[in-house]
Amino acid sequence: MVLPPNVSAADFNAALGEFRTAVGESWVFSSDEDVALYRDSYSIQWGEPEERVASAAVAPAKVEEVQQIVRTANRYRIPLYPISTGRNLTYGGSAPTMRGSVVVDLKRMNRILEVDEKRAFALVEPGVSYFDLYHHIQERNLKLMLDVPDPGWGSPMGNSLDHGAGYTMAAFRDHFGSHCGMEVVTPDGEVIRTGMGAVPNSDTWQDFRYGAGPTVDGLFAQSNFGIVTKMGFWLMPMPEAFLSGTITAPRHRDLEALVEEVSYLEDLGLTGMPQYGSPIAQAAFGPGAGAMASLMQNGWPSAEAVENFVTAQKLPAWSVQLYFYGPE
C-alpha cells in the first residue's frame, strides 16, 4: 500500500474507516487490485518509485458525502484528487498528480438534474457523460445541440474545468466559457454556489452566471481550490439548417489571406471551428513522394521552390473546411 505523504498507517486506516462510514463499505477502494484501476496507463514512470499512484479511492453519491470526505481528509491531512469520469484523456485522467492521494471518484454522482429546452441550458453532476446528456436530449426530442469534444464518454464538467473545447460555434465550443453556475465543496467542507445560485430561491442559476459581487468561478478551473459537484451549461438551440463546405487556395502564399477571411467569419459568429489542411501534403504519401523528398533534401525550401512544387503537383496548397449553423 502506498500511504499519503507524512500520514501513518494507523491514521490512514482510521481515515478509511471514516470514509466507509460516509459512503458505505463497498464504495471505498483500498486493495491493490482496485487502486490499480486509477493508474496512468501512459505514465513514463510506470513501476518506478516516483510513479504517481493513489493510496485509495472513495466514491460518494451526493454532495453531503463529499463534505464528509473533505472534513475527514482535513483531520488526517490526506491529499484528495477528485475526478469526474476519469476518462477525459489529455485533460484530466484518473491518476492523481501527487503520489499517495486519495482519489475522490465522482462517477456515482451522475444525475442530469435539469435540461430546459426554451432557456437552452443543462444542470448536471460530474459523473454525467456527453453520451448520457445526448441520450437524455434525444429521448425527449428536445431541440438542443451539444458541443462534444473527441472523447464523448468524458464528462462535460470535467472537460470544462480543464478548459476543454469542441467544434461548433465559438460561444459553445469553449466549454468553460459556456458554463453558467456551479456548486463547490470548499477545502473546509462547506458548500458554495456561484452566480445566481447564491441567491435564495433563485430560478435563474443557469441564466446569469455573474450574480452579485465578485466572480469566483475561474478559481475552480484547473485548480485544487474545491470539488465541483454541480455545473450548469448553456446549450446551442438546434439550428434550422446546417451547411459544410471546403474552400481551397491554390498558392502557398495564400495562407495568410485565407486565415484572415476565415477569422472574419468566425468573429461574426457564423461558423464552427474551421479545419485547415494542406492537400499537397498528400504528395508525401502518393505519386509525388519522390518530388517531396527532392524538395526537402537540402533543408527547408525557398518560397519560390514551394510555389513551383505546388504548381507541379496540380493540387491546391491549402484547404479549410467550414461549418455553418443558422436560419435556412
Protein backbone atom coordinates (compact mmCIF):
# COMPACT_ATOMS: atom_id res chain seq x y z
CA MET A 1 0.00 0.00 0.00
CA VAL A 2 1.18 3.50 -0.87
CA LEU A 3 0.49 5.86 2.03
CA PRO A 4 -0.31 9.55 1.70
CA PRO A 5 2.68 11.81 2.39
CA ASN A 6 3.51 12.13 6.11
CA VAL A 7 0.49 10.05 7.19
CA SER A 8 0.97 6.98 9.38
CA ALA A 9 -0.61 3.64 8.55
CA ALA A 10 -2.74 3.88 11.70
CA ASP A 11 -4.10 7.31 10.80
CA PHE A 12 -4.70 6.26 7.21
CA ASN A 13 -6.69 3.21 8.29
CA ALA A 14 -8.70 5.39 10.65
CA ALA A 15 -9.48 7.76 7.80
CA LEU A 16 -10.55 4.87 5.56
CA GLY A 17 -12.94 3.82 8.33
CA GLU A 18 -14.49 7.28 8.37
CA PHE A 19 -14.75 7.26 4.58
CA ARG A 20 -16.63 3.93 4.80
CA THR A 21 -19.00 5.41 7.35
CA ALA A 22 -19.66 8.32 5.00
CA VAL A 23 -20.25 6.45 1.72
CA GLY A 24 -20.69 2.78 2.60
CA GLU A 25 -18.28 -0.14 2.83
CA SER A 26 -18.44 -1.06 -0.86
CA TRP A 27 -17.54 2.43 -2.11
CA VAL A 28 -14.10 2.74 -0.54
CA PHE A 29 -11.39 1.10 -2.63
CA SER A 30 -8.08 0.28 -0.99
CA SER A 31 -6.99 -3.12 -2.31
CA ASP A 32 -4.08 -3.22 -4.74
CA GLU A 33 -6.39 -4.55 -7.45
CA ASP A 34 -8.91 -1.73 -7.02
CA VAL A 35 -6.36 1.07 -6.70
CA ALA A 36 -4.59 -0.18 -9.86
CA LEU A 37 -7.65 0.92 -11.85
CA TYR A 38 -6.65 4.53 -11.15
CA ARG A 39 -3.11 4.24 -12.56
CA ASP A 40 -2.00 6.23 -15.58
CA SER A 41 -1.55 3.64 -18.32
CA TYR A 42 0.70 6.05 -20.23
CA SER A 43 2.93 7.07 -17.33
CA ILE A 44 6.62 7.31 -18.22
CA GLN A 45 7.29 6.44 -14.56
CA TRP A 46 5.31 3.18 -14.60
CA GLY A 47 6.61 0.87 -11.91
CA GLU A 48 9.13 3.42 -10.64
CA PRO A 49 9.14 4.74 -7.05
CA GLU A 50 8.19 8.18 -8.39
CA GLU A 51 5.06 6.94 -10.18
CA ARG A 52 2.05 9.00 -9.15
CA VAL A 53 -0.30 6.36 -7.82
CA ALA A 54 -3.24 6.63 -5.44
CA SER A 55 -3.34 5.29 -1.90
CA ALA A 56 -7.07 4.61 -2.13
CA ALA A 57 -10.25 5.83 -3.78
CA VAL A 58 -13.67 6.77 -2.44
CA ALA A 59 -16.87 7.17 -4.46
CA PRO A 60 -19.53 9.46 -2.90
CA ALA A 61 -23.10 9.59 -4.23
CA LYS A 62 -24.15 13.05 -3.05
CA VAL A 63 -22.72 16.40 -2.03
CA GLU A 64 -23.15 15.72 1.71
CA GLU A 65 -20.88 12.70 1.38
CA VAL A 66 -18.28 14.80 -0.42
CA GLN A 67 -18.38 17.22 2.53
CA GLN A 68 -17.77 14.37 4.99
CA ILE A 69 -14.85 13.08 2.92
CA VAL A 70 -13.23 16.52 2.79
CA ARG A 71 -13.61 17.04 6.56
CA THR A 72 -12.08 13.64 7.28
CA ALA A 73 -9.21 14.34 4.91
CA ASN A 74 -8.59 17.63 6.71
CA ARG A 75 -8.35 15.96 10.10
CA TYR A 76 -5.81 13.40 8.90
CA ARG A 77 -4.02 15.74 6.43
CA ILE A 78 -4.74 13.45 3.47
CA PRO A 79 -4.48 14.96 -0.06
CA LEU A 80 -7.53 14.42 -2.26
CA TYR A 81 -7.69 14.15 -6.04
CA PRO A 82 -11.23 14.46 -7.45
CA ILE A 83 -12.18 13.04 -10.85
CA SER A 84 -15.45 13.17 -12.77
CA THR A 85 -15.34 10.10 -15.01
CA GLY A 86 -11.54 9.88 -15.11
CA ARG A 87 -11.74 9.40 -18.87
CA ASN A 88 -11.12 12.87 -20.25
CA LEU A 89 -7.91 11.83 -21.97
CA THR A 90 -5.22 14.54 -22.07
CA TYR A 91 -7.41 16.79 -19.89
CA GLY A 92 -7.83 15.00 -16.57
CA GLY A 93 -7.17 11.32 -16.12
CA SER A 94 -7.83 9.11 -13.12
CA ALA A 95 -4.26 9.07 -11.78
CA PRO A 96 -3.51 11.66 -9.07
CA THR A 97 -0.96 14.40 -9.55
CA MET A 98 0.51 13.71 -6.09
CA ARG A 99 1.63 10.21 -5.11
CA GLY A 100 -0.41 8.81 -2.24
CA SER A 101 -3.50 10.97 -2.78
CA VAL A 102 -6.96 9.53 -2.22
CA VAL A 103 -8.98 9.72 -5.44
CA VAL A 104 -12.47 11.13 -4.95
CA ASP A 105 -14.25 9.29 -7.76
CA LEU A 106 -17.45 11.19 -8.57
CA LYS A 107 -18.82 8.59 -11.03
CA ARG A 108 -21.84 7.82 -8.80
CA MET A 109 -22.89 11.47 -8.92
CA ASN A 110 -24.31 11.03 -12.42
CA ARG A 111 -27.68 12.75 -12.35
CA ILE A 112 -28.92 15.07 -15.07
CA LEU A 113 -30.72 17.50 -12.78
CA GLU A 114 -32.40 19.72 -15.34
CA VAL A 115 -32.48 20.38 -19.07
CA ASP A 116 -34.53 23.39 -20.19
CA GLU A 117 -35.29 23.50 -23.90
CA LYS A 118 -36.68 27.04 -24.04
CA ARG A 119 -33.86 28.56 -21.97
CA ALA A 120 -31.28 26.26 -23.58
CA PHE A 121 -29.34 25.02 -20.55
CA ALA A 122 -28.48 21.85 -18.64
CA LEU A 123 -27.56 21.31 -14.99
CA VAL A 124 -25.54 18.15 -14.39
CA GLU A 125 -23.41 16.33 -11.84
CA PRO A 126 -19.77 15.39 -12.51
CA GLY A 127 -20.38 11.74 -13.41
CA VAL A 128 -22.66 12.62 -16.34
CA SER A 129 -21.01 11.89 -19.70
CA TYR A 130 -21.61 13.57 -23.05
CA PHE A 131 -23.31 10.36 -24.17
CA ASP A 132 -25.62 10.49 -21.14
CA LEU A 133 -26.65 14.07 -21.84
CA TYR A 134 -27.06 13.39 -25.57
CA HIS A 135 -29.34 10.41 -24.96
CA HIS A 136 -31.38 12.42 -22.44
CA ILE A 137 -31.95 15.13 -25.06
CA GLN A 138 -32.73 12.68 -27.88
CA GLU A 139 -35.16 10.59 -25.84
CA ARG A 140 -37.19 13.71 -25.06
CA ASN A 141 -36.91 15.13 -28.58
CA LEU A 142 -35.53 18.40 -27.23
CA LYS A 143 -34.38 20.89 -29.85
CA LEU A 144 -30.94 21.33 -28.32
CA MET A 145 -27.46 20.54 -29.58
CA LEU A 146 -24.33 19.56 -27.65
CA ASP A 147 -20.80 20.67 -28.38
CA VAL A 148 -18.78 17.49 -27.86
CA PRO A 149 -15.00 17.04 -27.78
CA ASP A 150 -13.42 13.87 -29.16
CA PRO A 151 -14.00 11.71 -26.04
CA GLY A 152 -17.81 11.59 -25.94
CA TRP A 153 -17.64 9.28 -22.94
CA GLY A 154 -15.91 12.01 -20.96
CA SER A 155 -17.66 14.40 -18.59
CA PRO A 156 -18.94 17.85 -19.64
CA MET A 157 -17.97 19.08 -16.19
CA GLY A 158 -14.51 17.52 -16.24
CA ASN A 159 -13.79 18.74 -19.75
CA SER A 160 -14.98 22.24 -18.90
CA LEU A 161 -12.95 22.51 -15.69
CA ASP A 162 -9.83 21.51 -17.62
CA HIS A 163 -10.55 24.13 -20.31
CA GLY A 164 -11.54 21.62 -22.97
CA ALA A 165 -13.00 22.62 -26.31
CA GLY A 166 -15.23 21.29 -29.07
CA TYR A 167 -16.10 22.06 -32.67
CA THR A 168 -19.30 24.07 -33.08
CA MET A 169 -19.93 27.81 -32.71
CA ALA A 170 -17.32 29.76 -30.74
CA ALA A 171 -19.78 30.60 -27.95
CA PHE A 172 -20.32 26.89 -27.20
CA ARG A 173 -17.06 25.18 -28.11
CA ASP A 174 -15.26 26.97 -25.26
CA HIS A 175 -16.70 24.64 -22.66
CA PHE A 176 -15.74 26.62 -19.58
CA GLY A 177 -16.83 29.80 -21.32
CA SER A 178 -20.29 28.31 -21.86
CA HIS A 179 -20.78 27.17 -18.26
CA CYS A 180 -23.21 29.03 -16.03
CA GLY A 181 -23.25 28.41 -12.31
CA MET A 182 -21.51 25.79 -10.19
CA GLU A 183 -21.80 24.18 -6.78
CA VAL A 184 -18.50 23.62 -5.00
CA VAL A 185 -17.39 21.86 -1.81
CA THR A 186 -14.63 24.05 -0.43
CA PRO A 187 -11.46 22.74 1.26
CA ASP A 188 -13.06 23.17 4.70
CA GLY A 189 -16.11 21.11 3.73
CA GLU A 190 -18.54 23.96 3.18
CA VAL A 191 -20.73 24.36 0.08
CA ILE A 192 -20.89 27.46 -2.09
CA ARG A 193 -22.88 28.18 -5.24
CA THR A 194 -21.63 30.70 -7.74
CA GLY A 195 -23.61 33.27 -9.68
CA MET A 196 -27.36 33.39 -9.10
CA GLY A 197 -27.11 30.08 -7.26
CA ALA A 198 -26.01 32.09 -4.23
CA VAL A 199 -29.37 33.92 -4.16
CA PRO A 200 -32.01 32.08 -2.07
CA ASN A 201 -34.92 30.67 -4.13
CA SER A 202 -33.40 31.95 -7.37
CA ASP A 203 -34.75 30.40 -10.58
CA THR A 204 -32.04 31.95 -12.76
CA TRP A 205 -28.97 29.98 -11.70
CA GLN A 206 -28.27 28.82 -15.26
CA ASP A 207 -29.32 32.11 -16.87
CA PHE A 208 -26.96 34.65 -15.31
CA ARG A 209 -23.51 33.49 -14.26
CA TYR A 210 -22.36 36.68 -12.54
CA GLY A 211 -24.85 37.18 -9.73
CA ALA A 212 -23.83 39.97 -7.37
CA GLY A 213 -20.29 40.73 -6.27
CA PRO A 214 -17.01 39.14 -7.37
CA THR A 215 -17.00 36.33 -9.90
CA VAL A 216 -15.01 33.41 -8.50
CA ASP A 217 -15.82 30.58 -10.91
CA GLY A 218 -12.39 30.65 -12.52
CA LEU A 219 -10.76 29.74 -9.21
CA PHE A 220 -12.13 26.20 -9.57
CA ALA A 221 -10.92 25.51 -13.12
CA GLN A 222 -7.60 23.67 -13.36
CA SER A 223 -7.11 24.13 -9.62
CA ASN A 224 -7.28 22.39 -6.26
CA PHE A 225 -9.41 25.03 -4.54
CA GLY A 226 -12.56 22.92 -4.29
CA ILE A 227 -14.55 19.94 -5.58
CA VAL A 228 -17.24 20.93 -8.08
CA THR A 229 -20.39 18.85 -7.55
CA LYS A 230 -22.87 20.54 -9.90
CA MET A 231 -22.41 22.66 -13.01
CA GLY A 232 -24.69 24.39 -15.48
CA PHE A 233 -24.06 24.75 -19.22
CA TRP A 234 -25.58 26.83 -21.96
CA LEU A 235 -26.61 24.62 -24.87
CA MET A 236 -26.91 25.52 -28.53
CA PRO A 237 -30.50 25.59 -29.86
CA MET A 238 -30.85 23.11 -32.70
CA PRO A 239 -30.28 25.23 -35.84
CA GLU A 240 -32.78 25.37 -38.66
CA ALA A 241 -30.08 24.50 -41.17
CA PHE A 242 -26.52 23.20 -41.37
CA LEU A 243 -24.06 23.62 -44.23
CA SER A 244 -20.49 22.42 -44.62
CA GLY A 245 -18.09 23.18 -47.42
CA THR A 246 -14.42 23.09 -48.30
CA ILE A 247 -12.55 26.12 -49.60
CA THR A 248 -9.19 25.68 -51.33
CA ALA A 249 -6.44 28.18 -52.04
CA PRO A 250 -4.13 27.49 -54.99
CA ARG A 251 -0.86 29.08 -53.86
CA HIS A 252 1.35 28.59 -50.82
CA ARG A 253 1.38 32.33 -50.14
CA ASP A 254 -2.45 32.40 -50.00
CA LEU A 255 -2.50 31.07 -46.42
CA GLU A 256 -2.40 34.47 -44.73
CA ALA A 257 -5.35 35.79 -46.72
CA LEU A 258 -7.28 32.54 -46.18
CA VAL A 259 -6.83 32.72 -42.41
CA GLU A 260 -7.89 36.37 -42.36
CA GLU A 261 -11.11 35.63 -44.25
CA VAL A 262 -11.99 32.64 -42.07
CA SER A 263 -11.23 34.60 -38.90
CA TYR A 264 -13.62 37.30 -40.10
CA LEU A 265 -16.40 34.71 -40.48
CA GLU A 266 -15.63 33.33 -37.02
CA ASP A 267 -15.65 36.78 -35.43
CA LEU A 268 -19.09 37.34 -36.97
CA GLY A 269 -20.29 34.18 -35.23
CA LEU A 270 -21.19 32.45 -38.48
CA THR A 271 -19.08 29.29 -38.43
CA GLY A 272 -17.98 26.39 -36.31
CA MET A 273 -14.32 25.56 -35.78
CA PRO A 274 -12.52 25.62 -39.14
CA GLN A 275 -10.49 22.57 -40.13
CA TYR A 276 -7.35 23.61 -42.01
CA GLY A 277 -5.37 21.25 -44.16
CA SER A 278 -2.82 21.07 -46.97
CA PRO A 279 -3.75 18.90 -49.99
CA ILE A 280 -0.16 18.90 -51.20
CA ALA A 281 0.77 17.01 -48.03
CA GLN A 282 -0.79 14.02 -49.82
CA ALA A 283 2.18 14.18 -52.15
CA ALA A 284 4.36 12.88 -49.34
CA PHE A 285 2.41 9.59 -49.40
CA GLY A 286 1.34 9.38 -53.06
CA PRO A 287 2.84 9.63 -56.51
CA GLY A 288 4.59 12.87 -55.62
CA ALA A 289 6.59 11.36 -52.77
CA GLY A 290 9.82 11.50 -54.71
CA ALA A 291 9.25 15.12 -55.64
CA MET A 292 8.56 15.97 -52.00
CA ALA A 293 11.76 14.26 -50.90
CA SER A 294 13.70 16.13 -53.58
CA LEU A 295 12.15 19.42 -52.45
CA MET A 296 13.28 18.85 -48.85
CA GLN A 297 16.69 17.28 -49.46
CA ASN A 298 18.62 20.49 -48.76
CA GLY A 299 16.58 21.62 -45.78
CA TRP A 300 13.62 23.96 -45.79
CA PRO A 301 12.98 25.14 -49.39
CA SER A 302 12.56 28.72 -50.54
CA ALA A 303 9.12 30.23 -51.05
CA GLU A 304 9.68 30.12 -54.81
CA ALA A 305 10.59 26.42 -54.69
CA VAL A 306 7.45 25.66 -52.71
CA GLU A 307 5.28 27.55 -55.19
CA ASN A 308 6.85 25.63 -58.08
CA PHE A 309 6.22 22.34 -56.24
CA VAL A 310 2.56 23.24 -55.66
CA THR A 311 2.08 24.08 -59.32
CA ALA A 312 3.76 20.84 -60.42
CA GLN A 313 1.54 18.71 -58.17
CA LYS A 314 -1.63 20.32 -59.63
CA LEU A 315 -3.16 20.45 -56.17
CA PRO A 316 -4.25 23.39 -54.00
CA ALA A 317 -1.72 24.49 -51.43
CA TRP A 318 -4.28 24.90 -48.63
CA SER A 319 -7.82 23.90 -47.76
CA VAL A 320 -10.24 24.75 -44.98
CA GLN A 321 -13.49 23.03 -44.13
CA LEU A 322 -16.16 25.34 -42.76
CA TYR A 323 -19.38 24.58 -40.88
CA PHE A 324 -22.36 26.93 -40.80
CA TYR A 325 -25.32 26.82 -38.42
CA GLY A 326 -28.35 29.07 -38.55
CA PRO A 327 -31.52 30.05 -40.40
CA GLU A 328 -32.02 28.28 -43.73
